Amino acid sequence: MSDSASGPAESTGRRQVVVTGIGLVTPFGDERETSWSAICQGRSAVQWFEQNDHGNSGPLGRRWVGASAPARFLASAEPVVSMAVFAAREALSHAALSRLSEQAGCVIGTSKLGLRSFSKAMKTSDSSDPALPWPNAAARAVASEWNLRGPALCPVAACATGLVSLVRGADLIRSGECDVVLAGSSDASLVPIVLGSFQRLGVMAREFESPATACRPFDAERSGFVIGEGAAVLVLEDREHAVTRGANILAQFIAGGMASDPCGMTQVDPAGTSLAWLIRDVLRRAHVAPDEIDAINLHGTATRANDIAESRAVHAVFGSAADRLACSSQKGAIGHLLGAAGSVESAIAVLSMRDQIVPPTINLRTPDPQCDLDYVPNESRPMRLRTVLKLSLGFGGHVAVGLFRAP
């Protein structure tokens, strides 16, 4: 296993990292508070769509379920890029940052290249086009839009990409390389090649009454996830820099880490060993005791193995105290945003602390005896939130953990 160096500045003399702005694009809309309100209300953005809704044609012309990006982005040349730039713009506005120093950088991850424009380019056989949306296209666009002179990075870590981007962004601040980092990720994967691949892997939801109830994290009848699209960018900032300019601090990003699960390309360790190891390690480096954690934003894909393994990892770390933790997954509401999942869900974790409310895990009707945590089923829960843990898992064994604390 390997882990990031991200840890608390208090223990190392390095800089503290805070969150001062959030930009959010989800299937619910292109504005942060609209998405947050819909998620807290327990709504679902999942619906039927035809393959050719997004300019694609499939051999059977079949219908799929998914949670697509807002139409304005689907009309753009490449949604992965346009959503990332839009989210960064909203995040900077939220942070009241109109000018960035030469030490500002960005870490904007994607789990793959921009598939829509890539498909169009392949039809013309022009794979040498320099405008093709390679995985770094969103990071390049954000850096260009704001003339950033610091690092412009693009992590690729499957479904853990979003949280890995935040961890890496925090590293840049703690090391002194940057004073501000635009960190997040973007994904738009409702295309036939991805839908068909995941269906063949057996991880897509099936046998559901309606699209809105297709994805059922931790439910005994769960059968898999649905794909969603979106992006999130968080403004990460050196605490002293934020205080000096009078910024409104939303949260501290007190620690983060990365590890690997060696069980296989799509398999997860059924005992959750790698995830449990990383949670313990992040807590250790942050000097945070397990009983200080109030809530966990889970990965919660609604696949049979993942949900059990994640629940077991939480039990392994927290023991009998796991029963008091408020745990939730948003994938029933907005779908699995793949490369964007970790950043969007981290933004939700920060908004949870801001408003002191845990959003629900929707579509959880029949408890699974092997998934026995408090998943905040179907209705939001107001509660005191001081410290929140975020977990992300990705195909290929990517594991990431982030630890946020209210200011």
Protein backbone atom coordinates (compact mmCIF):
# COMPACT_ATOMS: atom_id res chain seq x y z
CA MET A 1 0.00 0.00 0.00
CA SER A 2 1.02 3.59 -0.52
CA ASP A 3 -0.34 6.72 1.08
CA SER A 4 -0.24 10.45 0.58
CA ALA A 5 1.75 12.67 2.89
CA SER A 6 -1.31 14.81 3.63
CA GLY A 7 -1.63 15.32 7.34
CA PRO A 8 -2.28 18.03 9.89
CA ALA A 9 -0.06 21.08 9.87
CA GLU A 10 -0.19 21.12 13.65
CA SER A 11 1.95 17.99 13.88
CA THR A 12 4.48 18.84 11.17
CA GLY A 13 4.82 22.60 11.11
CA ARG A 14 3.42 22.63 7.58
CA ARG A 15 0.58 24.81 6.39
CA GLN A 16 -3.03 24.15 7.28
CA VAL A 17 -5.48 23.62 4.41
CA VAL A 18 -8.98 25.07 4.41
CA VAL A 19 -11.93 25.01 1.99
CA THR A 20 -13.19 28.48 1.07
CA GLY A 21 -15.32 27.86 -2.01
CA ILE A 22 -17.39 25.15 -3.71
CA GLY A 23 -18.59 24.87 -7.29
CA LEU A 24 -21.00 22.06 -8.06
CA VAL A 25 -22.59 20.62 -11.20
CA THR A 26 -24.86 17.60 -10.76
CA PRO A 27 -27.78 16.06 -12.65
CA PHE A 28 -29.98 18.32 -10.50
CA GLY A 29 -28.55 21.49 -11.98
CA ASP A 30 -25.64 23.81 -12.54
CA GLU A 31 -25.75 25.68 -9.26
CA ARG A 32 -24.40 24.52 -5.91
CA GLU A 33 -27.38 25.32 -3.69
CA THR A 34 -29.91 23.86 -6.14
CA SER A 35 -28.12 20.51 -6.11
CA TRP A 36 -27.59 20.57 -2.36
CA SER A 37 -31.27 21.32 -1.69
CA ALA A 38 -32.47 18.49 -3.96
CA ILE A 39 -30.11 16.00 -2.32
CA CYS A 40 -31.26 17.00 1.16
CA GLN A 41 -34.89 16.60 0.07
CA GLY A 42 -34.21 12.98 -0.88
CA ARG A 43 -35.02 13.47 -4.55
CA SER A 44 -33.65 11.36 -7.41
CA ALA A 45 -32.32 12.72 -10.71
CA VAL A 46 -32.17 9.29 -12.35
CA GLN A 47 -34.38 8.78 -15.40
CA TRP A 48 -34.70 6.96 -18.71
CA PHE A 49 -32.83 8.23 -21.73
CA GLU A 50 -32.26 7.00 -25.26
CA GLN A 51 -28.72 6.37 -26.44
CA ASN A 52 -29.08 9.02 -29.14
CA ASP A 53 -30.14 11.66 -26.58
CA HIS A 54 -26.44 12.48 -26.32
CA GLY A 55 -25.58 12.29 -29.96
CA ASN A 56 -24.83 8.57 -29.82
CA SER A 57 -26.50 5.72 -31.65
CA GLY A 58 -26.49 2.16 -30.43
CA PRO A 59 -27.00 -1.02 -32.40
CA LEU A 60 -30.33 -1.74 -30.73
CA GLY A 61 -31.50 1.80 -30.05
CA ARG A 62 -32.20 0.73 -26.48
CA ARG A 63 -33.05 2.79 -23.46
CA TRP A 64 -30.82 3.14 -20.42
CA VAL A 65 -31.21 4.68 -17.00
CA GLY A 66 -28.85 7.38 -15.84
CA ALA A 67 -28.53 10.85 -14.37
CA SER A 68 -27.28 13.11 -17.11
CA ALA A 69 -25.52 16.44 -16.87
CA PRO A 70 -27.58 19.61 -17.38
CA ALA A 71 -28.43 20.18 -21.05
CA ARG A 72 -26.27 23.29 -21.40
CA PHE A 73 -23.15 21.18 -20.90
CA LEU A 74 -24.25 18.35 -23.16
CA ALA A 75 -24.51 20.92 -25.95
CA SER A 76 -20.88 21.97 -25.46
CA ALA A 77 -17.93 20.59 -27.39
CA GLU A 78 -16.94 18.43 -24.44
CA PRO A 79 -18.97 18.30 -21.20
CA VAL A 80 -16.02 17.09 -19.10
CA VAL A 81 -14.20 20.35 -19.85
CA SER A 82 -17.14 22.76 -19.75
CA MET A 83 -18.43 21.39 -16.43
CA ALA A 84 -15.00 21.65 -14.81
CA VAL A 85 -14.56 25.27 -15.92
CA PHE A 86 -18.09 26.16 -14.78
CA ALA A 87 -17.58 24.52 -11.37
CA ALA A 88 -14.25 26.31 -10.94
CA ARG A 89 -15.90 29.63 -11.76
CA GLU A 90 -18.62 29.07 -9.16
CA ALA A 91 -16.07 27.94 -6.58
CA LEU A 92 -13.95 31.07 -7.04
CA SER A 93 -17.04 33.27 -6.79
CA HIS A 94 -18.09 31.44 -3.62
CA ALA A 95 -14.60 31.99 -2.19
CA ALA A 96 -14.70 35.69 -3.18
CA LEU A 97 -11.37 35.22 -4.96
CA SER A 98 -11.08 37.59 -7.89
CA ARG A 99 -7.29 37.58 -8.15
CA LEU A 100 -4.93 34.62 -7.91
CA SER A 101 -1.24 34.83 -7.12
CA GLU A 102 1.55 33.18 -9.07
CA GLN A 103 1.43 30.39 -6.48
CA ALA A 104 -2.07 29.31 -7.49
CA GLY A 105 -2.49 25.93 -9.18
CA CYS A 106 -5.12 23.36 -10.04
CA VAL A 107 -5.67 19.63 -9.68
CA ILE A 108 -8.60 18.64 -11.89
CA GLY A 109 -8.94 14.90 -12.34
CA THR A 110 -10.89 12.79 -14.82
CA SER A 111 -11.31 9.05 -14.87
CA LYS A 112 -10.95 8.95 -18.64
CA LEU A 113 -10.68 11.28 -21.61
CA GLY A 114 -13.67 13.24 -22.89
CA LEU A 115 -15.66 10.48 -24.52
CA ARG A 116 -18.20 12.46 -26.53
CA SER A 117 -15.75 14.52 -28.55
CA PHE A 118 -13.37 11.56 -28.74
CA SER A 119 -16.13 9.47 -30.35
CA LYS A 120 -16.73 12.20 -32.91
CA ALA A 121 -13.00 12.42 -33.67
CA MET A 122 -12.75 8.66 -34.14
CA LYS A 123 -15.52 8.80 -36.73
CA THR A 124 -13.35 11.17 -38.76
CA SER A 125 -10.17 9.13 -38.04
CA ASP A 126 -8.42 12.28 -36.85
CA SER A 127 -6.79 10.99 -33.66
CA SER A 128 -3.90 13.44 -34.11
CA ASP A 129 -6.12 16.47 -33.48
CA PRO A 130 -4.39 18.47 -30.70
CA ALA A 131 -7.80 19.67 -29.50
CA LEU A 132 -8.84 16.15 -28.53
CA PRO A 133 -9.98 15.97 -24.89
CA TRP A 134 -7.17 13.90 -23.43
CA PRO A 135 -7.49 13.26 -19.67
CA ASN A 136 -5.64 16.51 -18.88
CA ALA A 137 -8.00 18.66 -20.99
CA ALA A 138 -10.10 19.88 -18.05
CA ALA A 139 -7.04 20.76 -15.96
CA ARG A 140 -5.51 22.53 -18.95
CA ALA A 141 -8.73 24.50 -19.55
CA VAL A 142 -9.00 25.61 -15.92
CA ALA A 143 -5.33 26.64 -15.81
CA SER A 144 -5.74 28.59 -19.05
CA GLU A 145 -8.99 30.27 -18.01
CA TRP A 146 -7.37 31.80 -14.92
CA ASN A 147 -3.80 32.04 -16.20
CA LEU A 148 -2.53 29.82 -13.41
CA ARG A 149 1.25 29.67 -13.00
CA GLY A 150 1.40 26.92 -10.38
CA PRO A 151 1.10 23.17 -11.06
CA ALA A 152 -1.78 21.96 -13.25
CA LEU A 153 -2.28 18.27 -12.50
CA CYS A 154 -4.74 15.59 -13.61
CA PRO A 155 -4.95 12.49 -11.41
CA VAL A 156 -6.60 9.42 -12.94
CA ALA A 157 -7.71 6.93 -10.29
CA ALA A 158 -10.99 5.50 -11.58
CA CYS A 159 -13.88 6.21 -9.21
CA ALA A 160 -11.54 7.54 -6.51
CA THR A 161 -10.23 10.27 -8.84
CA GLY A 162 -12.18 13.14 -7.27
CA LEU A 163 -10.98 12.55 -3.73
CA VAL A 164 -7.44 11.81 -4.91
CA SER A 165 -7.48 15.24 -6.60
CA LEU A 166 -8.34 16.92 -3.31
CA VAL A 167 -5.66 15.00 -1.44
CA ARG A 168 -3.09 15.96 -4.05
CA GLY A 169 -4.22 19.59 -4.00
CA ALA A 170 -3.84 19.72 -0.22
CA ASP A 171 -0.32 18.30 -0.60
CA LEU A 172 0.60 21.22 -2.87
CA ILE A 173 -0.47 23.72 -0.22
CA ARG A 174 1.16 21.93 2.71
CA SER A 175 4.45 21.66 0.84
CA GLY A 176 4.46 25.40 0.14
CA GLU A 177 4.22 25.01 -3.66
CA CYS A 178 0.81 26.74 -3.76
CA ASP A 179 -1.23 29.09 -1.62
CA VAL A 180 -4.48 28.34 -3.50
CA VAL A 181 -5.45 25.21 -5.44
CA LEU A 182 -8.59 24.64 -7.49
CA ALA A 183 -9.12 20.95 -6.79
CA GLY A 184 -11.82 18.64 -8.08
CA SER A 185 -12.90 16.46 -10.98
CA SER A 186 -15.36 16.11 -13.84
CA ASP A 187 -16.99 13.17 -15.63
CA ALA A 188 -19.51 12.65 -18.44
CA SER A 189 -19.78 8.94 -19.22
CA LEU A 190 -23.35 8.31 -20.35
CA VAL A 191 -22.16 6.87 -23.64
CA PRO A 192 -22.77 3.39 -25.09
CA ILE A 193 -19.21 2.11 -24.70
CA VAL A 194 -19.22 2.78 -20.95
CA LEU A 195 -22.80 1.70 -20.36
CA GLY A 196 -22.26 -1.54 -22.25
CA SER A 197 -18.96 -2.28 -20.53
CA PHE A 198 -20.38 -1.83 -17.04
CA GLN A 199 -23.42 -3.90 -17.95
CA ARG A 200 -21.18 -6.76 -19.03
CA LEU A 201 -19.31 -6.47 -15.75
CA GLY A 202 -22.63 -6.97 -13.93
CA VAL A 203 -22.41 -3.78 -11.87
CA MET A 204 -25.34 -1.87 -13.40
CA ALA A 205 -28.71 -1.72 -11.64
CA ARG A 206 -31.42 -4.02 -12.96
CA GLU A 207 -34.94 -5.22 -12.10
CA PHE A 208 -36.26 -1.94 -10.72
CA GLU A 209 -39.74 -0.48 -10.70
CA SER A 210 -38.74 2.98 -11.90
CA PRO A 211 -35.50 4.80 -12.74
CA ALA A 212 -35.73 6.83 -9.54
CA THR A 213 -35.51 3.66 -7.46
CA ALA A 214 -32.93 1.82 -9.59
CA CYS A 215 -29.90 2.48 -7.38
CA ARG A 216 -30.43 1.24 -3.80
CA PRO A 217 -27.23 1.51 -1.73
CA PHE A 218 -27.05 -0.93 1.20
CA ASP A 219 -30.55 -2.28 0.52
CA ALA A 220 -31.05 -6.06 0.58
CA GLU A 221 -32.48 -5.87 -2.96
CA ARG A 222 -29.70 -3.72 -4.43
CA SER A 223 -28.39 -4.79 -7.82
CA GLY A 224 -25.86 -2.16 -8.87
CA PHE A 225 -25.39 1.51 -9.72
CA VAL A 226 -26.50 3.87 -12.46
CA ILE A 227 -24.12 6.31 -14.10
CA GLY A 228 -24.39 10.00 -13.34
CA GLU A 229 -22.56 13.01 -14.73
CA GLY A 230 -21.23 16.14 -13.09
CA ALA A 231 -18.29 17.99 -11.61
CA ALA A 232 -17.12 19.70 -8.47
CA VAL A 233 -14.27 22.08 -7.74
CA LEU A 234 -13.25 23.12 -4.25
CA VAL A 235 -11.05 26.10 -3.50
CA LEU A 236 -8.34 24.79 -1.20
CA GLU A 237 -6.36 27.51 0.50
CA ASP A 238 -3.52 28.01 2.91
CA ARG A 239 -5.23 28.99 6.15
CA GLU A 240 -3.05 32.05 6.75
CA HIS A 241 -3.71 33.22 3.20
CA ALA A 242 -7.46 32.81 3.74
CA VAL A 243 -7.49 34.58 7.09
CA THR A 244 -5.39 37.47 5.80
CA ARG A 245 -7.87 38.20 3.02
CA GLY A 246 -10.89 37.75 5.33
CA ALA A 247 -12.25 34.67 3.61
CA ASN A 248 -15.22 32.71 4.90
CA ILE A 249 -13.74 29.34 5.85
CA LEU A 250 -16.17 26.48 5.18
CA ALA A 251 -14.06 23.63 6.54
CA GLN A 252 -10.58 22.40 7.28
CA PHE A 253 -9.19 19.58 5.16
CA ILE A 254 -7.17 18.15 8.00
CA ALA A 255 -5.86 14.95 6.41
CA GLY A 256 -6.13 12.69 3.42
CA GLY A 257 -4.54 9.55 2.12
CA MET A 258 -4.42 7.01 -0.69
CA ALA A 259 -3.86 3.27 -0.72
CA SER A 260 -4.35 0.27 -2.98
CA ASP A 261 -6.50 -2.83 -2.70
CA PRO A 262 -4.64 -5.67 -4.47
CA CYS A 263 -7.67 -7.95 -4.91
CA GLY A 264 -8.18 -7.33 -8.61
CA MET A 265 -9.44 -5.02 -11.33
CA THR A 266 -13.08 -4.94 -10.19
CA GLN A 267 -13.02 -7.01 -7.00
CA VAL A 268 -12.80 -5.54 -3.51
CA ASP A 269 -11.40 -7.17 -0.41
CA PRO A 270 -14.58 -8.58 1.19
CA ALA A 271 -13.26 -7.77 4.66
CA GLY A 272 -12.48 -4.17 3.72
CA THR A 273 -8.90 -4.62 4.96
CA SER A 274 -7.22 -2.02 2.74
CA LEU A 275 -9.88 0.59 3.41
CA ALA A 276 -9.78 -0.04 7.16
CA TRP A 277 -5.97 0.28 7.14
CA LEU A 278 -6.15 3.61 5.34
CA ILE A 279 -8.85 5.04 7.62
CA ARG A 280 -6.75 4.17 10.67
CA ASP A 281 -3.66 5.67 9.07
CA VAL A 282 -5.37 8.95 8.16
CA LEU A 283 -6.81 9.25 11.67
CA ARG A 284 -3.38 8.51 13.14
CA ARG A 285 -1.62 11.13 11.07
CA ALA A 286 -4.34 13.67 11.84
CA HIS A 287 -4.17 12.92 15.57
CA VAL A 288 -7.93 12.36 15.49
CA ALA A 289 -9.46 9.67 17.68
CA PRO A 290 -12.16 7.44 16.15
CA ASP A 291 -14.71 8.75 18.64
CA GLU A 292 -14.27 12.28 17.21
CA ILE A 293 -15.85 11.26 13.89
CA ASP A 294 -19.51 12.27 13.65
CA ALA A 295 -20.45 11.11 10.17
CA ILE A 296 -19.08 9.29 7.13
CA ASN A 297 -19.86 10.06 3.52
CA LEU A 298 -19.63 6.55 2.06
CA HIS A 299 -18.75 5.44 -1.44
CA GLY A 300 -21.91 3.29 -1.41
CA THR A 301 -22.26 2.09 -5.02
CA ALA A 302 -25.17 -0.33 -4.39
CA THR A 303 -23.14 -3.26 -5.72
CA ARG A 304 -23.38 -6.40 -3.61
CA ALA A 305 -19.70 -6.74 -2.70
CA ASN A 306 -18.75 -3.07 -2.36
CA ASP A 307 -21.45 -2.17 0.13
CA ILE A 308 -20.62 -5.12 2.38
CA ALA A 309 -16.86 -4.52 2.25
CA GLU A 310 -17.25 -0.82 3.02
CA SER A 311 -19.55 -1.55 5.97
CA ARG A 312 -17.11 -4.13 7.34
CA ALA A 313 -14.23 -1.67 7.07
CA VAL A 314 -16.14 0.87 9.15
CA HIS A 315 -16.90 -1.78 11.76
CA ALA A 316 -13.26 -2.85 11.82
CA VAL A 317 -12.07 0.67 12.58
CA PHE A 318 -14.79 1.93 14.91
CA GLY A 319 -15.89 -1.29 16.62
CA SER A 320 -19.03 -0.91 18.70
CA ALA A 321 -18.90 2.86 18.19
CA ALA A 322 -19.76 2.34 14.50
CA ASP A 323 -23.43 2.17 15.47
CA ARG A 324 -23.51 5.84 16.45
CA LEU A 325 -22.04 7.13 13.17
CA ALA A 326 -24.37 8.75 10.63
CA CYS A 327 -23.36 7.23 7.29
CA SER A 328 -24.83 8.03 3.89
CA SER A 329 -24.38 7.61 0.15
CA GLN A 330 -25.72 9.97 -2.52
CA LYS A 331 -25.51 7.58 -5.48
CA GLY A 332 -29.20 6.73 -5.31
CA ALA A 333 -29.94 10.42 -5.87
CA ILE A 334 -27.40 11.53 -8.47
CA GLY A 335 -26.02 8.25 -9.76
CA HIS A 336 -22.41 7.16 -9.69
CA LEU A 337 -20.44 10.08 -11.09
CA LEU A 338 -17.38 7.85 -11.59
CA GLY A 339 -14.37 10.18 -11.84
CA ALA A 340 -16.40 13.06 -10.41
CA ALA A 341 -17.92 11.08 -7.52
CA GLY A 342 -15.22 11.78 -4.94
CA SER A 343 -15.12 15.55 -5.48
CA VAL A 344 -18.91 15.99 -5.64
CA GLU A 345 -19.41 13.86 -2.53
CA SER A 346 -16.61 15.72 -0.70
CA ALA A 347 -18.41 18.97 -1.52
CA ILE A 348 -21.56 17.43 -0.06
CA ALA A 349 -19.64 16.48 3.09
CA VAL A 350 -18.50 20.09 3.53
CA LEU A 351 -22.01 21.44 2.92
CA SER A 352 -23.27 18.94 5.51
CA MET A 353 -21.03 20.52 8.13
CA ARG A 354 -21.96 24.02 7.01
CA ASP A 355 -25.68 23.37 7.48
CA GLN A 356 -25.37 20.71 10.22
CA ILE A 357 -27.42 18.16 8.33
CA VAL A 358 -26.68 14.67 7.01
CA PRO A 359 -28.28 14.00 3.60
CA PRO A 360 -30.10 10.70 3.20
CA THR A 361 -29.33 7.41 1.52
CA ILE A 362 -32.43 7.16 -0.64
CA ASN A 363 -34.14 3.96 -1.82
CA LEU A 364 -33.09 2.07 1.30
CA ARG A 365 -36.26 0.15 2.15
CA THR A 366 -35.19 -3.38 3.11
CA PRO A 367 -32.22 -3.62 5.48
CA ASP A 368 -29.45 -6.03 4.55
CA PRO A 369 -28.20 -7.91 7.65
CA GLN A 370 -24.66 -7.69 6.26
CA CYS A 371 -24.93 -3.89 5.94
CA ASP A 372 -25.84 -2.86 9.46
CA LEU A 373 -24.65 0.72 9.90
CA ASP A 374 -26.88 3.76 10.33
CA TYR A 375 -27.23 4.83 6.69
CA VAL A 376 -29.65 7.73 7.36
CA PRO A 377 -32.34 6.10 5.22
CA ASN A 378 -34.54 8.23 2.96
CA GLU A 379 -34.74 11.41 5.07
CA SER A 380 -32.12 14.00 5.97
CA ARG A 381 -31.10 14.26 9.59
CA PRO A 382 -30.18 17.49 11.39
CA MET A 383 -27.34 16.83 13.81
CA ARG A 384 -24.20 18.33 15.22
CA LEU A 385 -21.35 17.73 12.82
CA ARG A 386 -17.81 18.61 13.77
CA THR A 387 -15.68 16.04 11.91
CA VAL A 388 -16.69 14.10 8.78
CA LEU A 389 -14.87 11.29 6.99
CA LYS A 390 -15.11 10.78 3.21
CA LEU A 391 -14.38 7.38 1.60
CA SER A 392 -13.81 6.62 -2.10
CA LEU A 393 -13.07 3.34 -3.87
CA GLY A 394 -12.22 2.74 -7.52
CA PHE A 395 -11.83 -0.13 -9.96
CA GLY A 396 -8.22 -1.20 -10.13
CA GLY A 397 -7.83 -1.06 -6.36
CA HIS A 398 -7.75 2.72 -5.86
CA VAL A 399 -8.69 3.69 -2.30
CA ALA A 400 -8.86 7.23 -0.90
CA VAL A 401 -9.89 8.79 2.41
CA GLY A 402 -10.40 12.44 3.29
CA LEU A 403 -10.99 14.02 6.70
CA PHE A 404 -12.86 17.32 7.03
CA ARG A 405 -13.49 19.38 10.16
CA ALA A 406 -15.81 22.31 10.70
CA PRO A 407 -13.96 25.64 11.14
